Amino acid sequence: MANRYLVVGGAGFIGSHLVAGLIARGDEVVVFDNLQTGHRAAIDARAHFHHGDLADPMALHAVFTGRRFDGVFHLADLSLVGESMQSPMRYLTINPSNAGRLIDACLRHGVQRLVYSSTANLFGTADTSPIGEDAPIAPASAYGESKFAVERMLLWAERVHQLHSACLRFFNAAGCDPGGRLGEAHFPETHLIPLAIDAALGRRPPLAVFGTDYSTPDGTCLRDYVHVTDLVAAHVLAMQRIAIGSVRYNIGMGRGHSVREVIDAVSRIAGRRVPVIAADRRPGDPPILIASADRIIHEMGWNPAYSTLDDIIETALIWRRNHPDGYANTAMQQRQTA
């Protein structure tokens, strides 16, 4: 029997891939998004779309009224580490308060399962690598702190109200839908792989490398990249798992790639050199973030299909070559055929 899910933030990069994945499984999907950073054209046409903001309790009430949801996915937080260090109170206020309203709506309308897209930034500069779920929480930024505040809310929502949740602490989501339908289009773009691809294609100035003097083999930060399609699979598995209780899962590949390694891989795969310039470190950037995903692998059989950096870059490169303006052309085509 098909399930009905609410995807909050379903017009965003990860959210739109999740919506498409759920619909491909035969589930019914309702998307709630304010479109501040997401794209209407990225939402699968078979999903029910509600334009609304988590800051508006009436809009939330409207999307829940008259529907029974088998679960809710929350992917709608503010999510820029650098911005959070410039405006910490904005992040520390908006992310927890919006999540609180969503959790309250779930409780009021009898929803018993919520999957939350959290972050590896919770762990800051961890003492161990790869990082397991039981590593000390020490957020490296106001963004990470705001995510931890939401995780604590969910802990109490289970203790008091039996709302089961999964907090997915994923590391660096990257890549694009292998079918070429969906991709990564942030404005402004802050993620390394699309920035490197666009620099190689001559669509933007040389890539800024923020910090070349870290205590890593080549002086640049090491990050664990996970393909967005595999991240979607982890969300689906987590929703199934919390039928019997809450969980916290780290989602990553268990190995890191430096900024220089990513640049070299993009240059090789694109067949064009990525021009770069050295820049100062950014506040809130830990030198190394590598996940241990053993828990979700052993408990749920999560098995990433796109396991190499080349897999990730190849899918991202195809989409960005075919969509130089992101979703702008897709939106125009939809209007012309409507």
C-alpha atoms as a PDB file:
ATOM      1  CA  MET A   1       0.000   0.000   0.000  1.00  0.00           C
ATOM      2  CA  ALA A   2       1.315   3.454  -0.925  1.00  0.00           C
ATOM      3  CA  ASN A   3       2.330   5.816   1.837  1.00  0.00           C
ATOM      4  CA  ARG A   4       1.699   9.548   1.933  1.00  0.00           C
ATOM      5  CA  TYR A   5       4.631  11.743   2.964  1.00  0.00           C
ATOM      6  CA  LEU A   6       5.099  15.447   3.542  1.00  0.00           C
ATOM      7  CA  VAL A   7       8.473  16.724   2.305  1.00  0.00           C
ATOM      8  CA  VAL A   8       9.261  20.118   3.794  1.00  0.00           C
ATOM      9  CA  GLY A   9      11.890  21.716   1.580  1.00  0.00           C
ATOM     10  CA  GLY A  10      10.987  19.480  -1.350  1.00  0.00           C
ATOM     11  CA  ALA A  11      11.966  22.103  -3.941  1.00  0.00           C
ATOM     12  CA  GLY A  12      15.602  22.140  -2.817  1.00  0.00           C
ATOM     13  CA  PHE A  13      18.590  20.141  -4.025  1.00  0.00           C
ATOM     14  CA  ILE A  14      18.220  17.125  -1.746  1.00  0.00           C
ATOM     15  CA  GLY A  15      14.479  17.558  -1.263  1.00  0.00           C
ATOM     16  CA  SER A  16      13.654  17.442  -4.986  1.00  0.00           C
ATOM     17  CA  HIS A  17      15.697  14.259  -5.393  1.00  0.00           C
ATOM     18  CA  LEU A  18      13.876  12.764  -2.399  1.00  0.00           C
ATOM     19  CA  VAL A  19      10.466  13.671  -3.837  1.00  0.00           C
ATOM     20  CA  ALA A  20      11.352  11.997  -7.137  1.00  0.00           C
ATOM     21  CA  GLY A  21      12.629   8.915  -5.318  1.00  0.00           C
ATOM     22  CA  LEU A  22       9.500   8.554  -3.198  1.00  0.00           C
ATOM     23  CA  ILE A  23       7.203   8.939  -6.199  1.00  0.00           C
ATOM     24  CA  ALA A  24       9.235   6.341  -8.109  1.00  0.00           C
ATOM     25  CA  ARG A  25       8.472   3.952  -5.216  1.00  0.00           C
ATOM     26  CA  GLY A  26       4.757   4.580  -5.660  1.00  0.00           C
ATOM     27  CA  ASP A  27       4.307   6.872  -2.651  1.00  0.00           C
ATOM     28  CA  GLU A  28       2.094   9.956  -2.596  1.00  0.00           C
ATOM     29  CA  VAL A  29       4.063  13.110  -1.860  1.00  0.00           C
ATOM     30  CA  VAL A  30       3.048  16.564  -0.668  1.00  0.00           C
ATOM     31  CA  VAL A  31       5.717  19.280  -0.902  1.00  0.00           C
ATOM     32  CA  PHE A  32       5.762  22.308   1.407  1.00  0.00           C
ATOM     33  CA  ASP A  33       8.321  24.940   0.403  1.00  0.00           C
ATOM     34  CA  ASN A  34       8.659  28.733   0.436  1.00  0.00           C
ATOM     35  CA  LEU A  35      10.823  28.680  -2.743  1.00  0.00           C
ATOM     36  CA  GLN A  36      13.363  31.087  -1.242  1.00  0.00           C
ATOM     37  CA  THR A  37      16.199  28.757  -2.191  1.00  0.00           C
ATOM     38  CA  GLY A  38      14.339  25.933  -3.947  1.00  0.00           C
ATOM     39  CA  HIS A  39      12.914  25.751  -7.451  1.00  0.00           C
ATOM     40  CA  ARG A  40       9.324  25.092  -8.435  1.00  0.00           C
ATOM     41  CA  ALA A  41      10.567  23.462 -11.648  1.00  0.00           C
ATOM     42  CA  ALA A  42      12.548  20.902  -9.620  1.00  0.00           C
ATOM     43  CA  ILE A  43       9.416  19.403  -8.055  1.00  0.00           C
ATOM     44  CA  ASP A  44       8.089  16.265  -9.712  1.00  0.00           C
ATOM     45  CA  ALA A  45       4.823  17.141 -11.452  1.00  0.00           C
ATOM     46  CA  ARG A  46       3.100  14.224  -9.703  1.00  0.00           C
ATOM     47  CA  ALA A  47       3.676  15.744  -6.259  1.00  0.00           C
ATOM     48  CA  HIS A  48       1.129  18.039  -4.597  1.00  0.00           C
ATOM     49  CA  PHE A  49       2.776  21.416  -4.026  1.00  0.00           C
ATOM     50  CA  HIS A  50       1.928  23.893  -1.245  1.00  0.00           C
ATOM     51  CA  HIS A  51       3.725  27.221  -1.290  1.00  0.00           C
ATOM     52  CA  GLY A  52       4.231  28.128   2.356  1.00  0.00           C
ATOM     53  CA  ASP A  53       6.700  29.006   5.073  1.00  0.00           C
ATOM     54  CA  LEU A  54       7.408  27.210   8.346  1.00  0.00           C
ATOM     55  CA  ALA A  55       7.246  30.603  10.041  1.00  0.00           C
ATOM     56  CA  ASP A  56       3.513  30.691   9.225  1.00  0.00           C
ATOM     57  CA  PRO A  57       1.508  28.405  11.571  1.00  0.00           C
ATOM     58  CA  MET A  58      -1.657  28.870   9.500  1.00  0.00           C
ATOM     59  CA  ALA A  59       0.080  27.675   6.325  1.00  0.00           C
ATOM     60  CA  LEU A  60       1.316  24.613   8.198  1.00  0.00           C
ATOM     61  CA  HIS A  61      -2.150  23.934   9.564  1.00  0.00           C
ATOM     62  CA  ALA A  62      -3.574  24.150   6.042  1.00  0.00           C
ATOM     63  CA  VAL A  63      -1.187  21.563   4.592  1.00  0.00           C
ATOM     64  CA  PHE A  64      -1.968  19.088   7.400  1.00  0.00           C
ATOM     65  CA  THR A  65      -5.737  19.642   7.442  1.00  0.00           C
ATOM     66  CA  GLY A  66      -7.708  16.896   5.731  1.00  0.00           C
ATOM     67  CA  ARG A  67      -4.681  14.653   5.183  1.00  0.00           C
ATOM     68  CA  ARG A  68      -3.150  11.746   7.041  1.00  0.00           C
ATOM     69  CA  PHE A  69       0.622  11.610   6.671  1.00  0.00           C
ATOM     70  CA  ASP A  70       2.576   8.423   7.291  1.00  0.00           C
ATOM     71  CA  GLY A  71       5.648  10.525   7.938  1.00  0.00           C
ATOM     72  CA  VAL A  72       7.315  13.903   7.468  1.00  0.00           C
ATOM     73  CA  PHE A  73      10.751  14.731   6.023  1.00  0.00           C
ATOM     74  CA  HIS A  74      12.257  18.051   7.168  1.00  0.00           C
ATOM     75  CA  LEU A  75      14.894  19.493   4.812  1.00  0.00           C
ATOM     76  CA  ALA A  76      14.111  23.193   5.046  1.00  0.00           C
ATOM     77  CA  ASP A  77      16.688  24.733   7.391  1.00  0.00           C
ATOM     78  CA  LEU A  78      18.980  27.650   6.644  1.00  0.00           C
ATOM     79  CA  SER A  79      22.186  25.849   5.752  1.00  0.00           C
ATOM     80  CA  LEU A  80      25.157  28.106   4.919  1.00  0.00           C
ATOM     81  CA  VAL A  81      28.018  27.672   7.385  1.00  0.00           C
ATOM     82  CA  GLY A  82      29.758  30.915   6.442  1.00  0.00           C
ATOM     83  CA  GLU A  83      26.565  32.949   6.624  1.00  0.00           C
ATOM     84  CA  SER A  84      25.789  31.466  10.036  1.00  0.00           C
ATOM     85  CA  MET A  85      29.103  32.796  11.352  1.00  0.00           C
ATOM     86  CA  GLN A  86      28.225  36.277  10.094  1.00  0.00           C
ATOM     87  CA  SER A  87      24.628  36.193  11.381  1.00  0.00           C
ATOM     88  CA  PRO A  88      24.610  33.597  14.170  1.00  0.00           C
ATOM     89  CA  MET A  89      21.438  34.800  15.874  1.00  0.00           C
ATOM     90  CA  ARG A  90      19.483  34.489  12.622  1.00  0.00           C
ATOM     91  CA  TYR A  91      20.382  30.801  12.407  1.00  0.00           C
ATOM     92  CA  LEU A  92      19.991  30.128  16.117  1.00  0.00           C
ATOM     93  CA  THR A  93      16.542  31.717  16.049  1.00  0.00           C
ATOM     94  CA  ILE A  94      15.046  30.640  12.725  1.00  0.00           C
ATOM     95  CA  ASN A  95      16.076  26.994  12.436  1.00  0.00           C
ATOM     96  CA  PRO A  96      14.923  25.860  15.897  1.00  0.00           C
ATOM     97  CA  SER A  97      11.748  27.952  15.889  1.00  0.00           C
ATOM     98  CA  ASN A  98      10.691  26.722  12.440  1.00  0.00           C
ATOM     99  CA  ALA A  99      11.411  23.121  13.413  1.00  0.00           C
ATOM    100  CA  GLY A 100       9.465  23.606  16.625  1.00  0.00           C
ATOM    101  CA  ARG A 101       6.397  24.698  14.678  1.00  0.00           C
ATOM    102  CA  LEU A 102       6.692  21.685  12.371  1.00  0.00           C
ATOM    103  CA  ILE A 103       7.106  19.270  15.287  1.00  0.00           C
ATOM    104  CA  ASP A 104       4.092  20.820  17.005  1.00  0.00           C
ATOM    105  CA  ALA A 105       2.033  20.418  13.807  1.00  0.00           C
ATOM    106  CA  CYS A 106       3.033  16.752  13.621  1.00  0.00           C
ATOM    107  CA  LEU A 107       1.916  16.204  17.208  1.00  0.00           C
ATOM    108  CA  ARG A 108      -1.375  18.031  16.691  1.00  0.00           C
ATOM    109  CA  HIS A 109      -2.206  16.017  13.578  1.00  0.00           C
ATOM    110  CA  GLY A 110      -1.174  12.576  14.785  1.00  0.00           C
ATOM    111  CA  VAL A 111       2.027  12.131  12.733  1.00  0.00           C
ATOM    112  CA  GLN A 112       4.282   9.629  14.477  1.00  0.00           C
ATOM    113  CA  ARG A 113       7.432   9.678  12.308  1.00  0.00           C
ATOM    114  CA  LEU A 114       9.777  12.501  11.270  1.00  0.00           C
ATOM    115  CA  VAL A 115      13.100  12.268   9.414  1.00  0.00           C
ATOM    116  CA  TYR A 116      15.330  15.297   9.952  1.00  0.00           C
ATOM    117  CA  SER A 117      18.226  16.283   7.701  1.00  0.00           C
ATOM    118  CA  SER A 118      20.889  17.224  10.235  1.00  0.00           C
ATOM    119  CA  THR A 119      24.613  17.807   9.658  1.00  0.00           C
ATOM    120  CA  ALA A 120      28.131  16.584  10.347  1.00  0.00           C
ATOM    121  CA  ASN A 121      28.934  20.128  11.448  1.00  0.00           C
ATOM    122  CA  LEU A 122      27.652  18.997  14.859  1.00  0.00           C
ATOM    123  CA  PHE A 123      30.995  17.328  15.469  1.00  0.00           C
ATOM    124  CA  GLY A 124      33.250  20.325  14.854  1.00  0.00           C
ATOM    125  CA  THR A 125      36.913  19.361  14.999  1.00  0.00           C
ATOM    126  CA  ALA A 126      36.427  15.769  16.086  1.00  0.00           C
ATOM    127  CA  ASP A 127      39.188  13.890  17.917  1.00  0.00           C
ATOM    128  CA  THR A 128      38.613  10.724  15.892  1.00  0.00           C
ATOM    129  CA  SER A 129      38.233   9.941  12.206  1.00  0.00           C
ATOM    130  CA  PRO A 130      36.049   8.515  10.767  1.00  0.00           C
ATOM    131  CA  ILE A 131      33.430  10.075  13.040  1.00  0.00           C
ATOM    132  CA  GLY A 132      30.819   7.821  14.628  1.00  0.00           C
ATOM    133  CA  GLU A 133      27.413   8.796  15.958  1.00  0.00           C
ATOM    134  CA  ASP A 134      28.676   8.704  19.539  1.00  0.00           C
ATOM    135  CA  ALA A 135      31.457  11.241  18.986  1.00  0.00           C
ATOM    136  CA  PRO A 136      31.225  14.334  21.220  1.00  0.00           C
ATOM    137  CA  ILE A 137      28.925  17.075  19.973  1.00  0.00           C
ATOM    138  CA  ALA A 138      30.842  20.334  19.586  1.00  0.00           C
ATOM    139  CA  PRO A 139      29.376  22.345  16.692  1.00  0.00           C
ATOM    140  CA  ALA A 140      31.866  24.262  14.583  1.00  0.00           C
ATOM    141  CA  SER A 141      29.391  26.979  13.617  1.00  0.00           C
ATOM    142  CA  ALA A 142      26.108  28.605  14.547  1.00  0.00           C
ATOM    143  CA  TYR A 143      24.568  26.511  11.777  1.00  0.00           C
ATOM    144  CA  GLY A 144      25.710  23.312  13.493  1.00  0.00           C
ATOM    145  CA  GLU A 145      24.513  24.612  16.854  1.00  0.00           C
ATOM    146  CA  SER A 146      21.072  25.343  15.437  1.00  0.00           C
ATOM    147  CA  LYS A 147      20.853  21.800  14.063  1.00  0.00           C
ATOM    148  CA  PHE A 148      21.783  20.354  17.445  1.00  0.00           C
ATOM    149  CA  ALA A 149      19.026  22.423  19.058  1.00  0.00           C
ATOM    150  CA  VAL A 150      16.525  20.770  16.713  1.00  0.00           C
ATOM    151  CA  GLU A 151      17.903  17.324  17.524  1.00  0.00           C
ATOM    152  CA  ARG A 152      17.313  18.044  21.211  1.00  0.00           C
ATOM    153  CA  MET A 153      13.739  19.101  20.457  1.00  0.00           C
ATOM    154  CA  LEU A 154      13.160  15.798  18.710  1.00  0.00           C
ATOM    155  CA  LEU A 155      14.609  13.879  21.658  1.00  0.00           C
ATOM    156  CA  TRP A 156      12.044  15.498  23.982  1.00  0.00           C
ATOM    157  CA  ALA A 157       9.229  15.079  21.466  1.00  0.00           C
ATOM    158  CA  GLU A 158       9.858  11.340  21.646  1.00  0.00           C
ATOM    159  CA  ARG A 159      10.227  11.213  25.435  1.00  0.00           C
ATOM    160  CA  VAL A 160       7.022  13.111  26.086  1.00  0.00           C
ATOM    161  CA  HIS A 161       4.875  12.562  22.979  1.00  0.00           C
ATOM    162  CA  GLN A 162       6.289   9.367  21.389  1.00  0.00           C
ATOM    163  CA  LEU A 163       7.160  11.120  18.105  1.00  0.00           C
ATOM    164  CA  HIS A 164       9.774   8.856  16.538  1.00  0.00           C
ATOM    165  CA  SER A 165      12.535  10.619  14.605  1.00  0.00           C
ATOM    166  CA  ALA A 166      15.681   9.959  12.616  1.00  0.00           C
ATOM    167  CA  CYS A 167      18.412  12.583  12.594  1.00  0.00           C
ATOM    168  CA  LEU A 168      20.587  12.050   9.532  1.00  0.00           C
ATOM    169  CA  ARG A 169      23.948  13.656  10.085  1.00  0.00           C
ATOM    170  CA  PHE A 170      25.171  13.660   6.528  1.00  0.00           C
ATOM    171  CA  PHE A 171      28.466  15.004   5.459  1.00  0.00           C
ATOM    172  CA  ASN A 172      28.768  16.565   1.961  1.00  0.00           C
ATOM    173  CA  ALA A 173      25.833  15.920  -0.365  1.00  0.00           C
ATOM    174  CA  ALA A 174      26.937  16.122  -3.986  1.00  0.00           C
ATOM    175  CA  GLY A 175      26.307  14.787  -7.475  1.00  0.00           C
ATOM    176  CA  CYS A 176      23.060  14.875  -9.429  1.00  0.00           C
ATOM    177  CA  ASP A 177      20.257  12.593 -10.562  1.00  0.00           C
ATOM    178  CA  PRO A 178      21.942  10.071 -12.904  1.00  0.00           C
ATOM    179  CA  GLY A 179      18.930  10.359 -15.221  1.00  0.00           C
ATOM    180  CA  GLY A 180      19.710  14.024 -15.790  1.00  0.00           C
ATOM    181  CA  ARG A 181      16.328  15.300 -14.588  1.00  0.00           C
ATOM    182  CA  LEU A 182      17.470  17.046 -11.421  1.00  0.00           C
ATOM    183  CA  GLY A 183      20.568  18.871 -10.320  1.00  0.00           C
ATOM    184  CA  GLU A 184      22.204  21.312  -7.956  1.00  0.00           C
ATOM    185  CA  ALA A 185      21.342  24.972  -8.521  1.00  0.00           C
ATOM    186  CA  HIS A 186      21.969  27.232  -5.540  1.00  0.00           C
ATOM    187  CA  PHE A 187      22.026  31.017  -5.784  1.00  0.00           C
ATOM    188  CA  PRO A 188      24.559  31.870  -4.611  1.00  0.00           C
ATOM    189  CA  GLU A 189      26.374  28.585  -5.072  1.00  0.00           C
ATOM    190  CA  THR A 190      28.665  27.670  -2.159  1.00  0.00           C
ATOM    191  CA  HIS A 191      29.378  23.962  -2.732  1.00  0.00           C
ATOM    192  CA  LEU A 192      32.805  22.944  -3.965  1.00  0.00           C
ATOM    193  CA  ILE A 193      31.984  20.513  -6.786  1.00  0.00           C
ATOM    194  CA  PRO A 194      29.544  22.716  -8.753  1.00  0.00           C
ATOM    195  CA  LEU A 195      31.807  25.713  -8.193  1.00  0.00           C
ATOM    196  CA  ALA A 196      34.806  23.784  -9.523  1.00  0.00           C
ATOM    197  CA  ILE A 197      32.827  22.539 -12.542  1.00  0.00           C
ATOM    198  CA  ASP A 198      31.620  26.028 -13.425  1.00  0.00           C
ATOM    199  CA  ALA A 199      35.125  27.419 -13.058  1.00  0.00           C
ATOM    200  CA  ALA A 200      36.433  24.710 -15.405  1.00  0.00           C
ATOM    201  CA  LEU A 201      33.677  25.496 -17.926  1.00  0.00           C
ATOM    202  CA  GLY A 202      34.532  29.196 -17.801  1.00  0.00           C
ATOM    203  CA  ARG A 203      31.193  30.188 -16.302  1.00  0.00           C
ATOM    204  CA  ARG A 204      32.615  31.841 -13.192  1.00  0.00           C
ATOM    205  CA  PRO A 205      35.910  33.328 -11.982  1.00  0.00           C
ATOM    206  CA  PRO A 206      38.734  31.131 -10.648  1.00  0.00           C
ATOM    207  CA  LEU A 207      37.759  28.918  -7.730  1.00  0.00           C
ATOM    208  CA  ALA A 208      38.706  30.248  -4.288  1.00  0.00           C
ATOM    209  CA  VAL A 209      40.421  27.635  -2.102  1.00  0.00           C
ATOM    210  CA  PHE A 210      39.674  28.679   1.479  1.00  0.00           C
ATOM    211  CA  GLY A 211      42.756  27.672   3.430  1.00  0.00           C
ATOM    212  CA  THR A 212      45.878  25.931   2.146  1.00  0.00           C
ATOM    213  CA  ASP A 213      47.672  25.540   5.484  1.00  0.00           C
ATOM    214  CA  TYR A 214      45.539  22.971   7.325  1.00  0.00           C
ATOM    215  CA  SER A 215      47.152  19.988   9.042  1.00  0.00           C
ATOM    216  CA  THR A 216      46.205  17.666   6.183  1.00  0.00           C
ATOM    217  CA  PRO A 217      48.394  15.921   3.584  1.00  0.00           C
ATOM    218  CA  ASP A 218      48.093  18.726   1.013  1.00  0.00           C
ATOM    219  CA  GLY A 219      47.083  21.602   3.305  1.00  0.00           C
ATOM    220  CA  THR A 220      43.431  21.755   2.200  1.00  0.00           C
ATOM    221  CA  CYS A 221      40.323  20.522   3.998  1.00  0.00           C
ATOM    222  CA  LEU A 222      39.292  16.872   3.767  1.00  0.00           C
ATOM    223  CA  ARG A 223      35.615  16.121   3.239  1.00  0.00           C
ATOM    224  CA  ASP A 224      33.464  13.012   2.839  1.00  0.00           C
ATOM    225  CA  TYR A 225      31.241  13.264  -0.256  1.00  0.00           C
ATOM    226  CA  VAL A 226      28.035  11.242  -0.598  1.00  0.00           C
ATOM    227  CA  HIS A 227      25.947  11.096  -3.768  1.00  0.00           C
ATOM    228  CA  VAL A 228      22.510  12.693  -3.435  1.00  0.00           C
ATOM    229  CA  THR A 229      20.816   9.548  -4.796  1.00  0.00           C
ATOM    230  CA  ASP A 230      22.409   7.465  -2.034  1.00  0.00           C
ATOM    231  CA  LEU A 231      21.370  10.124   0.471  1.00  0.00           C
ATOM    232  CA  VAL A 232      17.777   9.739  -0.713  1.00  0.00           C
ATOM    233  CA  ALA A 233      18.023   5.986  -0.117  1.00  0.00           C
ATOM    234  CA  ALA A 234      19.226   6.676   3.426  1.00  0.00           C
ATOM    235  CA  HIS A 235      16.216   8.940   4.071  1.00  0.00           C
ATOM    236  CA  VAL A 236      13.820   6.230   2.906  1.00  0.00           C
ATOM    237  CA  LEU A 237      15.494   3.566   5.028  1.00  0.00           C
ATOM    238  CA  ALA A 238      15.469   5.859   8.054  1.00  0.00           C
ATOM    239  CA  MET A 239      11.739   6.470   7.673  1.00  0.00           C
ATOM    240  CA  GLN A 240      11.183   2.714   7.689  1.00  0.00           C
ATOM    241  CA  ARG A 241      13.447   2.221  10.710  1.00  0.00           C
ATOM    242  CA  ILE A 242      11.730   4.714  13.005  1.00  0.00           C
ATOM    243  CA  ALA A 243       8.515   2.740  12.991  1.00  0.00           C
ATOM    244  CA  ILE A 244      10.133   1.016  15.991  1.00  0.00           C
ATOM    245  CA  GLY A 245      11.955   3.950  17.587  1.00  0.00           C
ATOM    246  CA  SER A 246      14.229   6.939  17.050  1.00  0.00           C
ATOM    247  CA  VAL A 247      17.742   6.737  15.588  1.00  0.00           C
ATOM    248  CA  ARG A 248      20.727   8.919  14.776  1.00  0.00           C
ATOM    249  CA  TYR A 249      22.716   7.994  11.667  1.00  0.00           C
ATOM    250  CA  ASN A 250      25.873   9.419  10.121  1.00  0.00           C
ATOM    251  CA  ILE A 251      25.663   9.325   6.315  1.00  0.00           C
ATOM    252  CA  GLY A 252      28.915   9.316   4.366  1.00  0.00           C
ATOM    253  CA  MET A 253      31.329   7.110   2.471  1.00  0.00           C
ATOM    254  CA  GLY A 254      33.915   6.707   5.236  1.00  0.00           C
ATOM    255  CA  ARG A 255      36.730   8.307   3.274  1.00  0.00           C
ATOM    256  CA  GLY A 256      37.811  11.843   2.639  1.00  0.00           C
ATOM    257  CA  HIS A 257      38.927  13.817  -0.381  1.00  0.00           C
ATOM    258  CA  SER A 258      40.831  17.064  -0.111  1.00  0.00           C
ATOM    259  CA  VAL A 259      39.845  20.244  -1.909  1.00  0.00           C
ATOM    260  CA  ARG A 260      42.864  19.792  -4.171  1.00  0.00           C
ATOM    261  CA  GLU A 261      41.852  16.214  -4.965  1.00  0.00           C
ATOM    262  CA  VAL A 262      38.379  17.376  -5.963  1.00  0.00           C
ATOM    263  CA  ILE A 263      39.845  20.100  -8.166  1.00  0.00           C
ATOM    264  CA  ASP A 264      42.187  17.605  -9.861  1.00  0.00           C
ATOM    265  CA  ALA A 265      39.320  15.143 -10.418  1.00  0.00           C
ATOM    266  CA  VAL A 266      37.061  17.816 -11.933  1.00  0.00           C
ATOM    267  CA  SER A 267      39.886  18.942 -14.235  1.00  0.00           C
ATOM    268  CA  ARG A 268      40.470  15.382 -15.395  1.00  0.00           C
ATOM    269  CA  ILE A 269      36.822  14.445 -15.915  1.00  0.00           C
ATOM    270  CA  ALA A 270      35.838  17.761 -17.538  1.00  0.00           C
ATOM    271  CA  GLY A 271      38.954  17.763 -19.709  1.00  0.00           C
ATOM    272  CA  ARG A 272      39.562  21.370 -18.714  1.00  0.00           C
ATOM    273  CA  ARG A 273      41.718  22.795 -15.945  1.00  0.00           C
ATOM    274  CA  VAL A 274      39.993  24.336 -12.947  1.00  0.00           C
ATOM    275  CA  PRO A 275      41.562  27.781 -12.374  1.00  0.00           C
ATOM    276  CA  VAL A 276      42.092  28.481  -8.665  1.00  0.00           C
ATOM    277  CA  ILE A 277      43.170  31.227  -6.296  1.00  0.00           C
ATOM    278  CA  ALA A 278      44.223  30.849  -2.660  1.00  0.00           C
ATOM    279  CA  ALA A 279      42.007  32.530  -0.054  1.00  0.00           C
ATOM    280  CA  ASP A 280      41.896  32.823   3.734  1.00  0.00           C
ATOM    281  CA  ARG A 281      40.255  30.134   5.849  1.00  0.00           C
ATOM    282  CA  ARG A 282      36.547  30.504   6.519  1.00  0.00           C
ATOM    283  CA  PRO A 283      35.364  30.595  10.137  1.00  0.00           C
ATOM    284  CA  GLY A 284      33.569  27.388  11.093  1.00  0.00           C
ATOM    285  CA  ASP A 285      35.394  25.081   8.652  1.00  0.00           C
ATOM    286  CA  PRO A 286      36.935  22.047  10.416  1.00  0.00           C
ATOM    287  CA  PRO A 287      40.014  20.617   8.690  1.00  0.00           C
ATOM    288  CA  ILE A 288      38.672  17.052   8.455  1.00  0.00           C
ATOM    289  CA  LEU A 289      35.129  15.649   8.356  1.00  0.00           C
ATOM    290  CA  ILE A 290      34.868  11.963   7.477  1.00  0.00           C
ATOM    291  CA  ALA A 291      31.888   9.821   8.436  1.00  0.00           C
ATOM    292  CA  SER A 292      31.595   6.381   9.873  1.00  0.00           C
ATOM    293  CA  ALA A 293      28.322   5.111   8.379  1.00  0.00           C
ATOM    294  CA  ASP A 294      28.677   1.639   9.910  1.00  0.00           C
ATOM    295  CA  ARG A 295      25.473   1.959  11.936  1.00  0.00           C
ATOM    296  CA  ILE A 296      23.076   2.499   9.014  1.00  0.00           C
ATOM    297  CA  ILE A 297      24.994  -0.033   6.905  1.00  0.00           C
ATOM    298  CA  HIS A 298      24.711  -2.749   9.546  1.00  0.00           C
ATOM    299  CA  GLU A 299      21.213  -1.929  10.828  1.00  0.00           C
ATOM    300  CA  MET A 300      19.479  -1.066   7.554  1.00  0.00           C
ATOM    301  CA  GLY A 301      21.678  -2.491   4.806  1.00  0.00           C
ATOM    302  CA  TRP A 302      22.379   0.912   3.264  1.00  0.00           C
ATOM    303  CA  ASN A 303      24.540   0.229   0.209  1.00  0.00           C
ATOM    304  CA  PRO A 304      25.662   3.311  -1.751  1.00  0.00           C
ATOM    305  CA  ALA A 305      25.348   2.864  -5.503  1.00  0.00           C
ATOM    306  CA  TYR A 306      27.666   5.766  -6.385  1.00  0.00           C
ATOM    307  CA  SER A 307      30.704   4.986  -4.331  1.00  0.00           C
ATOM    308  CA  THR A 308      33.515   6.999  -5.913  1.00  0.00           C
ATOM    309  CA  LEU A 309      34.333  10.660  -6.275  1.00  0.00           C
ATOM    310  CA  ASP A 310      34.378  10.186 -10.046  1.00  0.00           C
ATOM    311  CA  ASP A 311      30.777   8.882  -9.951  1.00  0.00           C
ATOM    312  CA  ILE A 312      29.688  12.003  -8.120  1.00  0.00           C
ATOM    313  CA  ILE A 313      31.540  14.454 -10.358  1.00  0.00           C
ATOM    314  CA  GLU A 314      30.437  12.771 -13.593  1.00  0.00           C
ATOM    315  CA  THR A 315      26.723  13.090 -12.761  1.00  0.00           C
ATOM    316  CA  ALA A 316      27.160  16.689 -11.589  1.00  0.00           C
ATOM    317  CA  LEU A 317      29.117  17.599 -14.721  1.00  0.00           C
ATOM    318  CA  ILE A 318      26.452  16.198 -17.067  1.00  0.00           C
ATOM    319  CA  TRP A 319      23.704  18.179 -15.406  1.00  0.00           C
ATOM    320  CA  ARG A 320      25.629  21.443 -15.278  1.00  0.00           C
ATOM    321  CA  ARG A 321      26.677  21.152 -18.908  1.00  0.00           C
ATOM    322  CA  ASN A 322      23.068  20.560 -19.960  1.00  0.00           C
ATOM    323  CA  HIS A 323      21.603  23.198 -17.620  1.00  0.00           C
ATOM    324  CA  PRO A 324      23.904  26.236 -17.714  1.00  0.00           C
ATOM    325  CA  ASP A 325      21.110  28.390 -16.261  1.00  0.00           C
ATOM    326  CA  GLY A 326      20.023  25.874 -13.639  1.00  0.00           C
ATOM    327  CA  TYR A 327      16.268  25.458 -13.603  1.00  0.00           C
ATOM    328  CA  ALA A 328      15.552  28.706 -15.473  1.00  0.00           C
ATOM    329  CA  ASN A 329      15.114  26.987 -18.852  1.00  0.00           C
ATOM    330  CA  THR A 330      13.051  24.177 -17.300  1.00  0.00           C
ATOM    331  CA  ALA A 331      10.704  26.688 -15.692  1.00  0.00           C
ATOM    332  CA  MET A 332      10.291  28.545 -18.987  1.00  0.00           C
ATOM    333  CA  GLN A 333       9.531  25.316 -20.854  1.00  0.00           C
ATOM    334  CA  GLN A 334       6.918  24.406 -18.248  1.00  0.00           C
ATOM    335  CA  ARG A 335       5.209  27.785 -18.656  1.00  0.00           C
ATOM    336  CA  GLN A 336       5.212  27.469 -22.450  1.00  0.00           C
ATOM    337  CA  THR A 337       3.589  24.015 -22.367  1.00  0.00           C
ATOM    338  CA  ALA A 338       1.118  24.740 -19.557  1.00  0.00           C
END
